């Protein structure tokens, strides 16, 4: 009886403990000055240094979303999760690195400001490299001009 109670207490303690934080390295390269109709690329490399990231989300944290101002021709194995303003790139295992090369064609003229964060797209929606003042984000601007 005592042994069963002890095991139940340990299980409850483990179940209620905070999960390991999501950590990783993120590198980004993107087209920054284009003409409508020209090819564009967005390349994001994520190295997971923490636990499994379920449904890795490359999340746009500003009103400008890369997939809305370009006709996307290659989703790099991801899907567009409009409700999350993100690319949903599936699970990323602990210790794994994946490079996502998105390709498209510039379709909208203007100057766009992007902030890209990386988080899981399943609850509790934790960000990779989250801090009390917010998660690490990749920031860049892009200018698309008319022909």
N, C-alpha and C. Protein backbone atom coordinates (compact mmCIF):
# COMPACT_ATOMS: atom_id res chain seq x y z
N UNK A 1 0.82 -1.19 0.00
CA UNK A 1 0.00 0.00 0.00
C UNK A 1 0.87 1.26 0.00
N UNK A 2 1.89 1.27 0.88
CA UNK A 2 2.78 2.42 0.97
C UNK A 2 3.51 2.63 -0.35
N UNK A 3 3.95 1.53 -0.96
CA UNK A 3 4.69 1.60 -2.22
C UNK A 3 3.81 2.20 -3.33
N UNK A 4 2.55 1.80 -3.39
CA UNK A 4 1.63 2.31 -4.41
C UNK A 4 1.38 3.81 -4.20
N UNK A 5 1.24 4.22 -2.93
CA UNK A 5 1.01 5.64 -2.63
C UNK A 5 2.24 6.46 -2.99
N UNK A 6 3.42 5.93 -2.71
CA UNK A 6 4.67 6.61 -3.04
C UNK A 6 4.80 6.77 -4.56
N UNK A 7 4.52 5.70 -5.31
CA UNK A 7 4.60 5.78 -6.77
C UNK A 7 3.57 6.77 -7.33
N UNK A 8 2.38 6.78 -6.76
CA UNK A 8 1.35 7.73 -7.20
C UNK A 8 1.79 9.16 -6.92
N UNK A 9 2.42 9.39 -5.77
CA UNK A 9 2.90 10.73 -5.42
C UNK A 9 4.00 11.18 -6.37
N UNK A 10 4.91 10.30 -6.70
CA UNK A 10 5.99 10.62 -7.63
C UNK A 10 5.41 10.93 -9.00
N UNK A 11 4.48 10.11 -9.48
CA UNK A 11 3.86 10.34 -10.78
C UNK A 11 3.16 11.70 -10.80
N UNK A 12 2.44 12.03 -9.74
CA UNK A 12 1.74 13.31 -9.67
C UNK A 12 2.73 14.46 -9.69
N UNK A 13 3.83 14.34 -8.97
CA UNK A 13 4.86 15.38 -8.94
C UNK A 13 5.45 15.60 -10.33
N UNK A 14 5.75 14.52 -11.04
CA UNK A 14 6.32 14.62 -12.38
C UNK A 14 5.30 15.23 -13.34
N UNK A 15 4.04 14.81 -13.23
CA UNK A 15 3.00 15.31 -14.12
C UNK A 15 2.74 16.80 -13.91
N UNK A 16 2.96 17.29 -12.71
CA UNK A 16 2.68 18.69 -12.40
C UNK A 16 3.91 19.60 -12.56
N UNK A 17 5.07 19.02 -12.83
CA UNK A 17 6.27 19.85 -12.94
C UNK A 17 6.27 20.59 -14.27
N UNK A 18 7.00 21.69 -14.31
CA UNK A 18 7.09 22.48 -15.53
C UNK A 18 7.83 21.69 -16.59
N UNK A 19 7.36 21.75 -17.85
CA UNK A 19 8.08 21.07 -18.93
C UNK A 19 9.39 21.79 -19.22
N UNK A 20 10.30 21.06 -19.83
CA UNK A 20 11.58 21.66 -20.22
C UNK A 20 11.31 22.77 -21.24
N UNK A 21 11.98 23.91 -21.11
CA UNK A 21 11.76 25.01 -22.07
C UNK A 21 12.26 24.62 -23.46
N UNK A 22 11.62 25.21 -24.47
CA UNK A 22 12.05 25.00 -25.85
C UNK A 22 13.22 25.93 -26.13
N UNK A 23 14.31 25.36 -26.58
CA UNK A 23 15.50 26.15 -26.88
C UNK A 23 16.04 25.74 -28.25
N UNK A 24 16.75 26.66 -28.87
CA UNK A 24 17.32 26.34 -30.16
C UNK A 24 18.05 27.50 -30.78
N UNK A 25 18.63 27.23 -31.91
CA UNK A 25 19.30 28.25 -32.70
C UNK A 25 18.49 28.49 -33.97
N UNK A 26 18.35 29.75 -34.34
CA UNK A 26 17.59 30.10 -35.53
C UNK A 26 18.43 31.02 -36.39
N UNK A 27 18.53 30.68 -37.67
CA UNK A 27 19.23 31.52 -38.64
C UNK A 27 18.27 31.81 -39.78
N UNK A 28 18.35 33.02 -40.33
CA UNK A 28 17.42 33.42 -41.38
C UNK A 28 18.15 34.19 -42.47
N UNK A 29 17.79 33.92 -43.70
CA UNK A 29 18.24 34.70 -44.85
C UNK A 29 17.01 34.95 -45.71
N UNK A 30 16.85 36.18 -46.19
CA UNK A 30 15.64 36.51 -46.96
C UNK A 30 15.94 37.55 -48.02
N UNK A 31 15.14 37.50 -49.07
CA UNK A 31 15.18 38.56 -50.08
C UNK A 31 14.75 39.85 -49.42
N UNK A 32 15.42 40.97 -49.77
CA UNK A 32 15.14 42.24 -49.09
C UNK A 32 14.74 43.37 -50.03
N UNK A 33 15.12 43.30 -51.29
CA UNK A 33 14.77 44.34 -52.26
C UNK A 33 14.45 43.64 -53.57
N UNK A 34 13.18 43.72 -53.96
CA UNK A 34 12.72 42.98 -55.14
C UNK A 34 11.83 43.85 -56.00
N UNK A 35 11.53 43.34 -57.18
CA UNK A 35 10.60 43.97 -58.12
C UNK A 35 9.43 43.00 -58.28
N UNK A 36 8.21 43.53 -58.41
CA UNK A 36 7.05 42.66 -58.62
C UNK A 36 7.35 41.72 -59.79
N UNK A 37 7.07 40.45 -59.58
CA UNK A 37 7.31 39.42 -60.59
C UNK A 37 8.64 38.71 -60.44
N UNK A 38 9.51 39.22 -59.57
CA UNK A 38 10.82 38.58 -59.42
C UNK A 38 10.75 37.45 -58.40
N UNK A 39 11.66 36.47 -58.54
CA UNK A 39 11.70 35.37 -57.58
C UNK A 39 12.25 35.84 -56.23
N UNK A 40 11.73 35.25 -55.16
CA UNK A 40 12.16 35.58 -53.80
C UNK A 40 12.38 34.28 -53.02
N UNK A 41 13.17 34.40 -51.95
CA UNK A 41 13.39 33.25 -51.07
C UNK A 41 13.40 33.69 -49.62
N UNK A 42 12.97 32.78 -48.78
CA UNK A 42 13.06 32.91 -47.34
C UNK A 42 13.63 31.59 -46.85
N UNK A 43 14.81 31.65 -46.22
CA UNK A 43 15.49 30.43 -45.75
C UNK A 43 15.63 30.52 -44.24
N UNK A 44 15.06 29.55 -43.54
CA UNK A 44 15.10 29.52 -42.09
C UNK A 44 15.69 28.18 -41.65
N UNK A 45 16.76 28.25 -40.85
CA UNK A 45 17.36 27.04 -40.29
C UNK A 45 17.11 27.04 -38.79
N UNK A 46 16.55 25.94 -38.31
CA UNK A 46 16.25 25.79 -36.89
C UNK A 46 17.01 24.59 -36.36
N UNK A 47 17.79 24.81 -35.31
CA UNK A 47 18.48 23.74 -34.61
C UNK A 47 17.84 23.62 -33.24
N UNK A 48 17.26 22.46 -32.97
CA UNK A 48 16.55 22.23 -31.71
C UNK A 48 17.53 21.74 -30.65
N UNK A 49 17.77 22.54 -29.63
CA UNK A 49 18.67 22.14 -28.53
C UNK A 49 17.89 21.75 -27.28
N UNK A 50 16.56 21.69 -27.39
CA UNK A 50 15.71 21.31 -26.26
C UNK A 50 14.92 20.06 -26.60
N UNK A 51 13.76 19.90 -25.96
CA UNK A 51 12.92 18.73 -26.22
C UNK A 51 12.23 18.83 -27.58
N UNK A 52 11.54 17.78 -27.96
CA UNK A 52 10.75 17.76 -29.19
C UNK A 52 9.90 19.03 -29.29
N UNK A 53 9.89 19.63 -30.48
CA UNK A 53 9.00 20.77 -30.75
C UNK A 53 7.87 20.23 -31.61
N UNK A 54 6.66 20.06 -31.03
CA UNK A 54 5.55 19.55 -31.82
C UNK A 54 4.98 20.63 -32.74
N UNK A 55 4.81 20.29 -33.99
CA UNK A 55 4.30 21.24 -34.99
C UNK A 55 5.07 22.55 -34.92
N UNK A 56 6.33 22.48 -35.28
CA UNK A 56 7.20 23.65 -35.33
C UNK A 56 6.51 24.73 -36.16
N UNK A 57 6.31 25.89 -35.54
CA UNK A 57 5.68 27.00 -36.23
C UNK A 57 6.64 28.14 -36.44
N UNK A 58 6.76 28.59 -37.68
CA UNK A 58 7.51 29.79 -38.01
C UNK A 58 6.47 30.90 -38.08
N UNK A 59 6.36 31.69 -37.00
CA UNK A 59 5.23 32.56 -36.76
C UNK A 59 5.56 34.02 -37.06
N UNK A 60 4.73 34.66 -37.87
CA UNK A 60 4.88 36.08 -38.17
C UNK A 60 4.19 36.88 -37.07
N UNK A 61 4.96 37.69 -36.36
CA UNK A 61 4.45 38.43 -35.20
C UNK A 61 4.07 39.88 -35.53
N UNK A 62 4.09 40.23 -36.80
CA UNK A 62 3.68 41.56 -37.24
C UNK A 62 2.53 41.40 -38.22
N UNK A 63 1.94 42.51 -38.62
CA UNK A 63 0.83 42.46 -39.58
C UNK A 63 1.30 41.99 -40.96
N UNK A 64 2.58 42.18 -41.28
CA UNK A 64 3.12 41.73 -42.56
C UNK A 64 3.46 40.25 -42.46
N UNK A 65 2.94 39.49 -43.42
CA UNK A 65 3.20 38.05 -43.46
C UNK A 65 3.76 37.71 -44.83
N UNK A 66 4.91 37.07 -44.83
CA UNK A 66 5.63 36.80 -46.06
C UNK A 66 4.76 36.08 -47.08
N UNK A 67 3.98 35.13 -46.64
CA UNK A 67 3.16 34.33 -47.56
C UNK A 67 1.99 35.12 -48.14
N UNK A 68 1.69 36.31 -47.63
CA UNK A 68 0.60 37.13 -48.17
C UNK A 68 1.08 38.11 -49.24
N UNK A 69 2.35 38.45 -49.25
CA UNK A 69 2.85 39.42 -50.24
C UNK A 69 3.67 38.75 -51.35
N UNK A 70 3.70 37.42 -51.31
CA UNK A 70 4.37 36.65 -52.36
C UNK A 70 3.45 35.50 -52.79
N UNK A 71 3.55 35.13 -54.04
CA UNK A 71 2.89 33.90 -54.48
C UNK A 71 3.89 32.80 -54.17
N UNK A 72 3.57 31.99 -53.18
CA UNK A 72 4.49 30.96 -52.71
C UNK A 72 4.49 29.81 -53.71
N UNK A 73 5.69 29.46 -54.18
CA UNK A 73 5.83 28.37 -55.15
C UNK A 73 6.44 27.12 -54.52
N UNK A 74 7.07 27.24 -53.37
CA UNK A 74 7.62 26.08 -52.67
C UNK A 74 7.49 26.33 -51.17
N UNK A 75 6.72 25.47 -50.51
CA UNK A 75 6.49 25.60 -49.06
C UNK A 75 7.50 24.83 -48.21
N UNK A 76 8.53 24.30 -48.82
CA UNK A 76 9.62 23.64 -48.09
C UNK A 76 9.12 22.51 -47.18
N UNK A 77 8.05 21.84 -47.58
CA UNK A 77 7.50 20.75 -46.78
C UNK A 77 6.57 21.21 -45.67
N UNK A 78 6.31 22.50 -45.58
CA UNK A 78 5.43 23.05 -44.55
C UNK A 78 4.06 23.33 -45.14
N UNK A 79 3.13 23.72 -44.30
CA UNK A 79 1.83 24.21 -44.74
C UNK A 79 1.63 25.60 -44.14
N UNK A 80 0.70 26.35 -44.70
CA UNK A 80 0.40 27.66 -44.14
C UNK A 80 -0.73 27.50 -43.12
N UNK A 81 -0.47 27.93 -41.89
CA UNK A 81 -1.46 27.90 -40.82
C UNK A 81 -1.94 29.33 -40.63
N UNK A 82 -2.94 29.74 -41.41
CA UNK A 82 -3.40 31.12 -41.44
C UNK A 82 -3.84 31.58 -40.05
N UNK A 83 -4.57 30.72 -39.31
CA UNK A 83 -5.08 31.11 -37.99
C UNK A 83 -3.95 31.39 -36.99
N UNK A 84 -2.77 30.84 -37.24
CA UNK A 84 -1.61 31.08 -36.37
C UNK A 84 -0.63 32.06 -36.99
N UNK A 85 -0.93 32.57 -38.20
CA UNK A 85 -0.02 33.46 -38.93
C UNK A 85 1.36 32.83 -39.05
N UNK A 86 1.37 31.55 -39.49
CA UNK A 86 2.61 30.79 -39.43
C UNK A 86 2.73 29.78 -40.57
N UNK A 87 3.96 29.33 -40.76
CA UNK A 87 4.22 28.11 -41.51
C UNK A 87 4.25 26.99 -40.48
N UNK A 88 3.49 25.93 -40.69
CA UNK A 88 3.50 24.75 -39.83
C UNK A 88 4.42 23.73 -40.48
N UNK A 89 5.55 23.47 -39.82
CA UNK A 89 6.58 22.65 -40.44
C UNK A 89 6.74 21.28 -39.79
N UNK A 90 5.71 20.81 -39.10
CA UNK A 90 5.76 19.47 -38.51
C UNK A 90 6.63 19.43 -37.27
N UNK A 91 6.85 18.23 -36.76
CA UNK A 91 7.64 18.07 -35.54
C UNK A 91 9.12 18.23 -35.83
N UNK A 92 9.85 18.76 -34.84
CA UNK A 92 11.31 18.84 -34.92
C UNK A 92 11.86 18.14 -33.68
N UNK A 93 12.52 17.02 -33.90
CA UNK A 93 13.02 16.19 -32.81
C UNK A 93 14.11 16.90 -32.02
N UNK A 94 14.28 16.48 -30.78
CA UNK A 94 15.37 17.00 -29.94
C UNK A 94 16.69 16.73 -30.64
N UNK A 95 17.54 17.76 -30.70
CA UNK A 95 18.86 17.62 -31.32
C UNK A 95 18.86 17.72 -32.84
N UNK A 96 17.72 17.86 -33.45
CA UNK A 96 17.64 17.89 -34.92
C UNK A 96 17.81 19.31 -35.45
N UNK A 97 18.27 19.40 -36.69
CA UNK A 97 18.38 20.66 -37.42
C UNK A 97 17.65 20.49 -38.74
N UNK A 98 16.87 21.51 -39.12
CA UNK A 98 16.20 21.47 -40.40
C UNK A 98 16.27 22.86 -41.03
N UNK A 99 16.52 22.87 -42.33
CA UNK A 99 16.53 24.11 -43.09
C UNK A 99 15.31 24.12 -44.00
N UNK A 100 14.54 25.20 -43.91
CA UNK A 100 13.33 25.37 -44.71
C UNK A 100 13.60 26.47 -45.73
N UNK A 101 13.54 26.13 -47.02
CA UNK A 101 13.78 27.10 -48.09
C UNK A 101 12.47 27.35 -48.80
N UNK A 102 11.84 28.48 -48.47
CA UNK A 102 10.58 28.88 -49.09
C UNK A 102 10.90 29.70 -50.33
N UNK A 103 10.21 29.41 -51.42
CA UNK A 103 10.40 30.16 -52.66
C UNK A 103 9.07 30.76 -53.09
N UNK A 104 9.17 31.87 -53.79
CA UNK A 104 7.96 32.51 -54.26
C UNK A 104 8.26 33.57 -55.30
N UNK A 105 7.22 34.33 -55.61
CA UNK A 105 7.31 35.43 -56.56
C UNK A 105 6.70 36.65 -55.88
N UNK A 106 7.40 37.77 -55.93
CA UNK A 106 6.89 39.01 -55.34
C UNK A 106 5.65 39.46 -56.10
N UNK A 107 4.56 39.78 -55.36
CA UNK A 107 3.30 40.14 -56.01
C UNK A 107 2.72 41.47 -55.55
N UNK A 108 3.22 42.02 -54.45
CA UNK A 108 2.65 43.23 -53.88
C UNK A 108 3.76 44.25 -53.67
N UNK A 109 3.56 45.47 -54.20
CA UNK A 109 4.55 46.53 -53.99
C UNK A 109 4.38 47.13 -52.60
N UNK A 110 5.50 47.52 -52.01
CA UNK A 110 5.45 48.17 -50.70
C UNK A 110 6.69 47.85 -49.89
N UNK A 111 6.72 48.41 -48.70
CA UNK A 111 7.79 48.10 -47.74
C UNK A 111 7.17 47.31 -46.61
N UNK A 112 7.77 46.20 -46.31
CA UNK A 112 7.20 45.26 -45.35
C UNK A 112 8.20 45.01 -44.21
N UNK A 113 7.67 44.92 -43.00
CA UNK A 113 8.48 44.67 -41.81
C UNK A 113 8.04 43.33 -41.22
N UNK A 114 9.00 42.43 -41.09
CA UNK A 114 8.70 41.09 -40.59
C UNK A 114 9.41 40.84 -39.26
N UNK A 115 8.72 40.16 -38.37
CA UNK A 115 9.31 39.61 -37.14
C UNK A 115 8.86 38.17 -37.08
N UNK A 116 9.82 37.27 -37.16
CA UNK A 116 9.52 35.84 -37.20
C UNK A 116 9.97 35.19 -35.90
N UNK A 117 9.02 34.59 -35.20
CA UNK A 117 9.32 33.82 -33.99
C UNK A 117 9.13 32.35 -34.29
N UNK A 118 9.68 31.51 -33.44
CA UNK A 118 9.55 30.06 -33.60
C UNK A 118 8.88 29.51 -32.35
N UNK A 119 7.78 28.77 -32.56
CA UNK A 119 7.08 28.19 -31.42
C UNK A 119 6.39 26.91 -31.84
N UNK A 120 5.92 26.19 -30.83
CA UNK A 120 5.11 25.01 -31.12
C UNK A 120 3.70 25.49 -31.46
N UNK A 121 3.04 24.77 -32.36
CA UNK A 121 1.69 25.16 -32.76
C UNK A 121 0.62 24.29 -32.10
N UNK A 122 0.98 23.67 -30.98
CA UNK A 122 0.02 22.95 -30.15
C UNK A 122 0.11 23.53 -28.75
N UNK A 123 -0.98 23.45 -28.00
CA UNK A 123 -0.96 24.03 -26.66
C UNK A 123 0.13 23.38 -25.83
N UNK A 124 0.89 24.15 -25.08
CA UNK A 124 0.62 25.49 -24.58
C UNK A 124 1.20 26.61 -25.44
N UNK A 125 1.58 26.35 -26.67
CA UNK A 125 2.07 27.36 -27.61
C UNK A 125 3.34 28.06 -27.12
N UNK A 126 4.27 27.29 -26.57
CA UNK A 126 5.52 27.87 -26.08
C UNK A 126 6.42 28.27 -27.24
N UNK A 127 7.13 29.39 -27.05
CA UNK A 127 8.11 29.87 -28.02
C UNK A 127 9.48 29.25 -27.73
N UNK A 128 10.27 29.10 -28.77
CA UNK A 128 11.67 28.71 -28.63
C UNK A 128 12.42 29.95 -28.15
N UNK A 129 13.27 29.77 -27.16
CA UNK A 129 14.07 30.86 -26.58
C UNK A 129 13.18 31.99 -26.06
N UNK A 130 12.18 31.62 -25.26
CA UNK A 130 11.27 32.60 -24.68
C UNK A 130 11.93 33.22 -23.44
N UNK A 131 11.67 34.48 -23.22
CA UNK A 131 12.22 35.22 -22.09
C UNK A 131 11.09 36.02 -21.44
N UNK A 132 11.28 36.54 -20.23
CA UNK A 132 10.22 37.33 -19.60
C UNK A 132 9.76 38.53 -20.44
N UNK A 133 10.66 39.10 -21.25
CA UNK A 133 10.28 40.25 -22.09
C UNK A 133 9.91 39.84 -23.51
N UNK A 134 9.75 38.54 -23.77
CA UNK A 134 9.33 38.05 -25.07
C UNK A 134 10.34 37.11 -25.69
N UNK A 135 9.93 36.41 -26.73
CA UNK A 135 10.82 35.43 -27.37
C UNK A 135 11.83 36.09 -28.30
N UNK A 136 12.90 35.35 -28.59
CA UNK A 136 13.82 35.78 -29.63
C UNK A 136 13.07 35.79 -30.95
N UNK A 137 13.29 36.79 -31.77
CA UNK A 137 12.68 36.86 -33.09
C UNK A 137 13.73 37.27 -34.12
N UNK A 138 13.47 36.87 -35.35
CA UNK A 138 14.29 37.29 -36.47
C UNK A 138 13.57 38.47 -37.11
N UNK A 139 14.27 39.58 -37.35
CA UNK A 139 13.66 40.81 -37.84
C UNK A 139 14.33 41.20 -39.16
N UNK A 140 13.49 41.56 -40.15
CA UNK A 140 14.02 42.09 -41.40
C UNK A 140 12.96 42.90 -42.12
N UNK A 141 13.42 43.75 -43.02
CA UNK A 141 12.53 44.55 -43.86
C UNK A 141 12.73 44.16 -45.30
N UNK A 142 11.68 44.31 -46.08
CA UNK A 142 11.73 43.99 -47.50
C UNK A 142 11.01 45.09 -48.26
N UNK A 143 11.59 45.53 -49.36
CA UNK A 143 10.96 46.52 -50.22
C UNK A 143 10.72 45.88 -51.58
N UNK A 144 9.46 45.92 -52.01
CA UNK A 144 9.10 45.40 -53.33
C UNK A 144 8.59 46.59 -54.14
N UNK A 145 9.18 46.79 -55.32
CA UNK A 145 8.79 47.91 -56.17
C UNK A 145 8.10 47.41 -57.43
N UNK A 146 7.30 48.30 -58.05
CA UNK A 146 6.64 47.99 -59.31
C UNK A 146 7.69 47.99 -60.42
N UNK A 147 7.39 47.31 -61.49
CA UNK A 147 8.33 47.24 -62.62
C UNK A 147 8.51 48.59 -63.26
